[in-house]
């Protein structure tokens, strides 16, 4: 199949492009490189440097069998600081993607929503129908969801919504203003520096490894049972920030104590936990444990982010990692 991916230079987009190419598909990648990195785009991708708000986007989509729309402004503190740009990218940009898909007569659109849609709810695990967005980021995604429903009703388009929980793994963006938890912890611990924990560390999150996410991406691409559906993509279990720190500190043999800072603005949910029964009903199941996912993440950061990471350990090589 010929598949277009917006946000192809980002964390999930670049991993998805790798998987698509591996499985024999042709990939057209779209990214304006405002947040993504050119060196993360896999070889073999037909890359178009373009903003998702560009009115010519439908020309890039022409001839594609499916579109994955992953491009977004998604760092919650940054979204809280700039709601205007957040709305421009996540609402206007998403509507432009839907319109480009309509004009290009795309048969299947799979687009990213977010577990942040559940941030105001207290019922766990979170089911797809129980949303209560509060942050600017979540509200922008809620607006995109509403436009998706209207495009389905008005034009009969085939859209599948995926609500990612805390996805982690290789290429997770450690360069963000406030880096994602896993990559930030690993880099600090490898450098024998104090990791930063925002708040008490007791908040719990549903972490899902990117390879498991890609398994469901591939199913959505070909399984008609996913057409028009909304699916949580998480592990169905949660771990506290402190638990993750303790696991990584043990794996890396580091005693560097964490530094605690105030909670991040907009990140107020005490726990995220996915009800993944809808995806499981289609035969999908997360396969990578948190321990295994952390080991793979450490390996990637050692080899690709901190080339001299082993020298930080002296002659020691931890067999767990």
Protein backbone atom coordinates (compact mmCIF):
# COMPACT_ATOMS: atom_id res chain seq x y z
CA UNK A 1 0.00 0.00 0.00
CA UNK A 2 0.99 3.63 -0.41
CA UNK A 3 0.66 5.24 3.04
CA UNK A 4 1.09 8.91 4.02
CA UNK A 5 2.27 9.81 7.53
CA UNK A 6 2.08 13.32 8.96
CA UNK A 7 4.61 14.04 11.69
CA UNK A 8 6.99 11.51 10.15
CA UNK A 9 10.07 13.11 11.76
CA UNK A 10 8.62 12.79 15.26
CA UNK A 11 8.84 9.97 17.79
CA UNK A 12 5.80 7.87 16.92
CA UNK A 13 5.77 8.92 13.24
CA UNK A 14 9.36 7.85 12.54
CA UNK A 15 8.86 4.51 14.30
CA UNK A 16 5.66 3.95 12.34
CA UNK A 17 7.41 4.76 9.06
CA UNK A 18 10.10 2.20 9.92
CA UNK A 19 7.46 -0.46 10.52
CA UNK A 20 5.54 0.37 7.34
CA UNK A 21 8.71 0.13 5.24
CA UNK A 22 9.69 -3.11 6.94
CA UNK A 23 6.28 -4.57 6.10
CA UNK A 24 6.70 -3.64 2.43
CA UNK A 25 4.59 -0.50 2.15
CA UNK A 26 5.49 2.69 0.30
CA UNK A 27 5.65 5.66 2.69
CA UNK A 28 5.11 9.35 1.98
CA UNK A 29 6.21 11.38 5.00
CA UNK A 30 5.06 14.92 5.79
CA UNK A 31 6.70 17.15 8.42
CA UNK A 32 7.64 20.81 8.71
CA UNK A 33 10.51 19.90 11.10
CA UNK A 34 9.33 22.43 13.69
CA UNK A 35 9.35 19.68 16.31
CA UNK A 36 10.56 16.59 14.44
CA UNK A 37 14.14 15.86 13.39
CA UNK A 38 15.25 15.26 9.80
CA UNK A 39 17.77 12.62 10.90
CA UNK A 40 14.94 10.53 12.37
CA UNK A 41 13.19 10.08 9.02
CA UNK A 42 13.92 6.52 7.87
CA UNK A 43 15.69 5.94 4.60
CA UNK A 44 13.18 4.97 1.95
CA UNK A 45 10.53 7.51 2.97
CA UNK A 46 9.39 9.89 0.23
CA UNK A 47 9.71 13.03 2.35
CA UNK A 48 7.77 16.25 1.82
CA UNK A 49 8.75 19.24 3.94
CA UNK A 50 5.33 20.77 4.48
CA UNK A 51 3.14 22.20 7.23
CA UNK A 52 -0.12 20.32 7.81
CA UNK A 53 -1.92 23.67 7.44
CA UNK A 54 -0.70 24.06 3.86
CA UNK A 55 -3.68 24.15 1.44
CA UNK A 56 -1.65 22.08 -1.07
CA UNK A 57 -1.54 19.10 1.28
CA UNK A 58 -4.12 17.19 -0.77
CA UNK A 59 -1.61 17.04 -3.64
CA UNK A 60 0.81 15.10 -1.42
CA UNK A 61 -1.95 12.71 -0.36
CA UNK A 62 -3.03 12.02 -3.95
CA UNK A 63 -2.69 8.33 -4.78
CA UNK A 64 -2.33 7.19 -1.16
CA UNK A 65 -4.36 4.24 0.09
CA UNK A 66 -4.30 5.46 3.71
CA UNK A 67 -3.18 8.39 5.86
CA UNK A 68 -1.85 8.35 9.41
CA UNK A 69 -2.25 11.81 10.93
CA UNK A 70 0.18 12.11 13.87
CA UNK A 71 1.51 15.67 13.57
CA UNK A 72 0.62 17.86 16.54
CA UNK A 73 1.84 20.30 19.15
CA UNK A 74 1.76 17.92 22.10
CA UNK A 75 4.05 19.11 24.90
CA UNK A 76 1.44 20.04 27.52
CA UNK A 77 3.43 22.86 29.24
CA UNK A 78 4.20 24.40 25.83
CA UNK A 79 0.52 24.17 24.90
CA UNK A 80 -0.43 25.87 28.16
CA UNK A 81 1.98 28.69 27.36
CA UNK A 82 0.69 29.21 23.80
CA UNK A 83 -2.96 28.23 23.32
CA UNK A 84 -3.19 30.17 20.06
CA UNK A 85 -0.49 28.13 18.33
CA UNK A 86 -1.88 24.98 19.94
CA UNK A 87 -5.28 25.63 18.34
CA UNK A 88 -3.69 26.57 15.03
CA UNK A 89 -1.70 23.34 14.73
CA UNK A 90 -3.99 20.86 16.45
CA UNK A 91 -7.36 22.17 15.27
CA UNK A 92 -6.79 24.09 12.05
CA UNK A 93 -4.05 21.66 10.99
CA UNK A 94 -6.17 18.60 11.72
CA UNK A 95 -9.16 20.00 9.82
CA UNK A 96 -6.87 20.75 6.87
CA UNK A 97 -5.65 17.12 6.98
CA UNK A 98 -9.25 15.86 6.94
CA UNK A 99 -10.11 18.20 4.07
CA UNK A 100 -7.01 17.11 2.12
CA UNK A 101 -8.02 13.48 2.67
CA UNK A 102 -11.51 14.27 1.37
CA UNK A 103 -10.17 15.99 -1.73
CA UNK A 104 -7.67 13.18 -2.36
CA UNK A 105 -10.40 10.55 -1.82
CA UNK A 106 -8.42 8.69 0.84
CA UNK A 107 -10.16 5.43 1.77
CA UNK A 108 -8.73 5.08 5.31
CA UNK A 109 -7.63 7.80 7.78
CA UNK A 110 -6.12 6.86 11.13
CA UNK A 111 -5.54 9.85 13.36
CA UNK A 112 -4.12 10.56 16.80
CA UNK A 113 -6.34 11.63 19.64
CA UNK A 114 -4.94 11.42 23.19
CA UNK A 115 -5.46 9.97 26.64
CA UNK A 116 -5.42 13.60 27.85
CA UNK A 117 -9.11 13.62 26.90
CA UNK A 118 -9.66 11.72 30.17
CA UNK A 119 -7.67 14.09 32.39
CA UNK A 120 -10.73 15.45 34.24
CA UNK A 121 -12.34 12.06 34.85
CA UNK A 122 -12.07 10.04 38.07
CA UNK A 123 -13.42 6.70 36.83
CA UNK A 124 -10.62 4.21 36.06
CA UNK A 125 -9.81 2.47 33.84
CA UNK A 126 -10.81 5.07 31.26
CA UNK A 127 -13.34 3.97 28.66
CA UNK A 128 -13.58 5.63 25.27
CA UNK A 129 -16.95 7.27 25.92
CA UNK A 130 -15.94 8.96 29.20
CA UNK A 131 -14.04 12.13 28.21
CA UNK A 132 -13.44 15.33 30.15
CA UNK A 133 -10.65 17.47 28.65
CA UNK A 134 -9.23 20.32 30.73
CA UNK A 135 -5.80 21.42 29.42
CA UNK A 136 -5.43 23.46 26.23
CA UNK A 137 -3.80 20.45 24.58
CA UNK A 138 -6.70 18.15 25.46
CA UNK A 139 -9.27 20.73 24.39
CA UNK A 140 -7.54 21.13 21.01
CA UNK A 141 -7.69 17.36 20.53
CA UNK A 142 -11.35 17.33 21.57
CA UNK A 143 -12.06 19.89 18.85
CA UNK A 144 -10.28 17.68 16.30
CA UNK A 145 -12.43 14.76 17.45
CA UNK A 146 -15.60 16.80 16.90
CA UNK A 147 -14.49 17.75 13.37
CA UNK A 148 -13.72 14.09 12.64
CA UNK A 149 -17.25 13.06 13.61
CA UNK A 150 -18.70 15.74 11.36
CA UNK A 151 -16.50 14.73 8.40
CA UNK A 152 -17.75 11.17 8.86
CA UNK A 153 -21.40 12.21 8.91
CA UNK A 154 -21.20 14.88 6.21
CA UNK A 155 -18.92 13.15 3.72
CA UNK A 156 -19.04 9.47 4.69
CA UNK A 157 -15.30 9.39 5.38
CA UNK A 158 -13.61 6.47 7.10
CA UNK A 159 -11.74 7.76 10.18
CA UNK A 160 -10.24 5.70 13.00
CA UNK A 161 -9.25 7.49 16.23
CA UNK A 162 -6.41 6.26 18.43
CA UNK A 163 -6.05 7.55 21.98
CA UNK A 164 -2.42 7.00 22.87
CA UNK A 165 -1.51 6.78 26.53
CA UNK A 166 2.13 7.35 27.59
CA UNK A 167 4.03 5.97 24.60
CA UNK A 168 7.77 5.51 25.09
CA UNK A 169 10.71 3.90 23.29
CA UNK A 170 13.48 4.73 20.80
CA UNK A 171 13.52 8.29 19.39
CA UNK A 172 11.36 9.67 22.21
CA UNK A 173 11.98 13.41 22.04
CA UNK A 174 14.48 14.26 24.78
CA UNK A 175 15.04 17.73 23.28
CA UNK A 176 11.63 19.10 24.30
CA UNK A 177 11.34 21.98 26.76
CA UNK A 178 10.41 19.39 29.39
CA UNK A 179 11.55 16.00 28.03
CA UNK A 180 9.38 12.89 28.33
CA UNK A 181 9.85 10.92 31.52
CA UNK A 182 11.64 7.81 30.26
CA UNK A 183 14.27 9.46 28.07
CA UNK A 184 14.87 12.25 30.60
CA UNK A 185 15.46 9.76 33.43
CA UNK A 186 17.72 7.50 31.36
CA UNK A 187 19.93 10.32 30.10
CA UNK A 188 20.32 11.86 33.56
CA UNK A 189 21.11 8.51 35.20
CA UNK A 190 23.62 7.56 32.53
CA UNK A 191 25.37 10.88 33.16
CA UNK A 192 25.22 10.29 36.93
CA UNK A 193 23.09 13.42 37.27
CA UNK A 194 19.95 13.89 39.34
CA UNK A 195 16.75 13.12 37.42
CA UNK A 196 13.98 15.68 37.80
CA UNK A 197 10.61 14.62 39.16
CA UNK A 198 7.77 17.10 38.88
CA UNK A 199 5.66 16.84 42.02
CA UNK A 200 5.88 14.01 44.53
CA UNK A 201 6.43 11.25 41.98
CA UNK A 202 3.31 9.42 43.14
CA UNK A 203 1.34 10.14 39.97
CA UNK A 204 0.69 6.98 38.03
CA UNK A 205 0.77 6.62 34.27
CA UNK A 206 -0.14 3.93 31.76
CA UNK A 207 3.07 3.39 29.77
CA UNK A 208 2.95 1.60 26.41
CA UNK A 209 5.99 0.68 24.29
CA UNK A 210 6.04 2.06 20.76
CA UNK A 211 6.36 -1.38 19.12
CA UNK A 212 3.07 -2.43 20.71
CA UNK A 213 1.47 0.76 19.37
CA UNK A 214 2.76 -0.07 15.90
CA UNK A 215 1.22 -3.53 16.10
CA UNK A 216 -2.16 -1.84 16.44
CA UNK A 217 -1.31 0.68 13.71
CA UNK A 218 -0.76 -2.23 11.33
CA UNK A 219 -4.03 -3.83 12.34
CA UNK A 220 -5.92 -0.57 11.77
CA UNK A 221 -4.44 -0.35 8.30
CA UNK A 222 -5.99 -3.61 7.11
CA UNK A 223 -8.74 -4.67 9.55
CA UNK A 224 -12.16 -3.30 8.49
CA UNK A 225 -13.41 -3.85 12.06
CA UNK A 226 -11.42 -0.75 13.07
CA UNK A 227 -13.21 1.45 10.51
CA UNK A 228 -14.87 4.42 12.21
CA UNK A 229 -13.82 3.23 15.66
CA UNK A 230 -12.17 4.92 18.63
CA UNK A 231 -9.58 2.89 20.52
CA UNK A 232 -7.50 3.37 23.64
CA UNK A 233 -3.89 2.35 23.00
CA UNK A 234 -2.29 1.67 26.37
CA UNK A 235 -0.93 -1.21 28.40
CA UNK A 236 -3.90 -1.54 30.75
CA UNK A 237 -1.63 -1.14 33.79
CA UNK A 238 -0.10 1.86 35.55
CA UNK A 239 3.15 2.65 37.36
CA UNK A 240 4.13 5.64 39.46
CA UNK A 241 6.89 8.02 38.42
CA UNK A 242 8.88 6.90 41.46
CA UNK A 243 8.53 3.26 40.44
CA UNK A 244 9.97 4.05 37.02
CA UNK A 245 12.85 5.96 38.60
CA UNK A 246 13.61 3.07 40.97
CA UNK A 247 13.53 0.51 38.13
CA UNK A 248 15.92 2.57 36.01
CA UNK A 249 18.24 3.37 38.92
CA UNK A 250 18.53 -0.36 39.65
CA UNK A 251 19.09 -1.27 36.00
CA UNK A 252 21.82 1.35 35.62
CA UNK A 253 23.38 0.88 39.03
CA UNK A 254 22.91 4.55 39.85
CA UNK A 255 22.30 6.03 43.26
CA UNK A 256 21.69 9.55 41.98
CA UNK A 257 18.69 10.80 44.00
CA UNK A 258 15.92 12.61 42.09
CA UNK A 259 15.39 16.36 42.33
CA UNK A 260 11.78 17.34 42.97
CA UNK A 261 10.27 20.41 41.29
CA UNK A 262 6.67 21.73 41.31
CA UNK A 263 4.07 20.00 39.17
CA UNK A 264 4.05 20.88 35.48
CA UNK A 265 1.20 23.20 34.44
CA UNK A 266 -1.62 21.32 32.76
CA UNK A 267 -0.44 17.89 33.89
CA UNK A 268 -2.92 17.45 36.70
CA UNK A 269 -4.27 13.90 36.35
CA UNK A 270 -3.24 11.76 39.31
CA UNK A 271 -3.46 8.54 37.32
CA UNK A 272 -3.99 7.39 33.75
CA UNK A 273 -5.15 3.86 33.06
CA UNK A 274 -6.53 2.60 29.77
CA UNK A 275 -9.46 0.31 29.33
CA UNK A 276 -8.15 -1.56 26.28
CA UNK A 277 -11.03 -4.01 25.96
CA UNK A 278 -12.10 -2.56 22.57
CA UNK A 279 -8.67 -3.14 21.01
CA UNK A 280 -8.32 -6.52 22.75
CA UNK A 281 -11.64 -7.62 21.26
CA UNK A 282 -9.95 -7.37 17.85
CA UNK A 283 -7.08 -9.61 18.94
CA UNK A 284 -4.49 -6.95 19.81
CA UNK A 285 -2.51 -7.36 23.01
CA UNK A 286 0.46 -5.37 24.42
CA UNK A 287 3.49 -7.69 24.43
CA UNK A 288 6.42 -5.62 25.73
CA UNK A 289 6.71 -5.43 29.51
CA UNK A 290 7.81 -2.20 31.17
CA UNK A 291 11.13 -3.76 32.19
CA UNK A 292 11.83 -4.95 28.64
CA UNK A 293 10.76 -1.63 27.14
CA UNK A 294 13.09 0.26 29.48
CA UNK A 295 16.00 -2.01 28.53
CA UNK A 296 15.38 -1.33 24.83
CA UNK A 297 15.13 2.41 25.51
CA UNK A 298 18.41 2.40 27.44
CA UNK A 299 20.10 0.52 24.61
CA UNK A 300 18.92 3.06 22.04
CA UNK A 301 20.02 6.08 24.10
CA UNK A 302 23.44 4.54 24.78
CA UNK A 303 24.02 3.83 21.10
CA UNK A 304 22.38 6.85 19.48
CA UNK A 305 22.07 9.71 21.95
CA UNK A 306 25.04 9.30 24.28
CA UNK A 307 27.68 7.61 22.16
CA UNK A 308 30.10 7.60 25.09
CA UNK A 309 27.53 6.35 27.62
CA UNK A 310 29.54 3.23 28.45
CA UNK A 311 32.50 5.36 29.48
CA UNK A 312 30.26 6.96 32.09
CA UNK A 313 30.13 3.55 33.78
CA UNK A 314 33.84 2.93 33.73
CA UNK A 315 34.43 -0.72 32.90
CA UNK A 316 31.10 -1.87 34.32
CA UNK A 317 28.53 -3.44 32.02
CA UNK A 318 25.18 -4.21 33.59
CA UNK A 319 23.96 -7.61 32.30
CA UNK A 320 20.34 -6.54 32.86
CA UNK A 321 20.67 -3.86 30.21
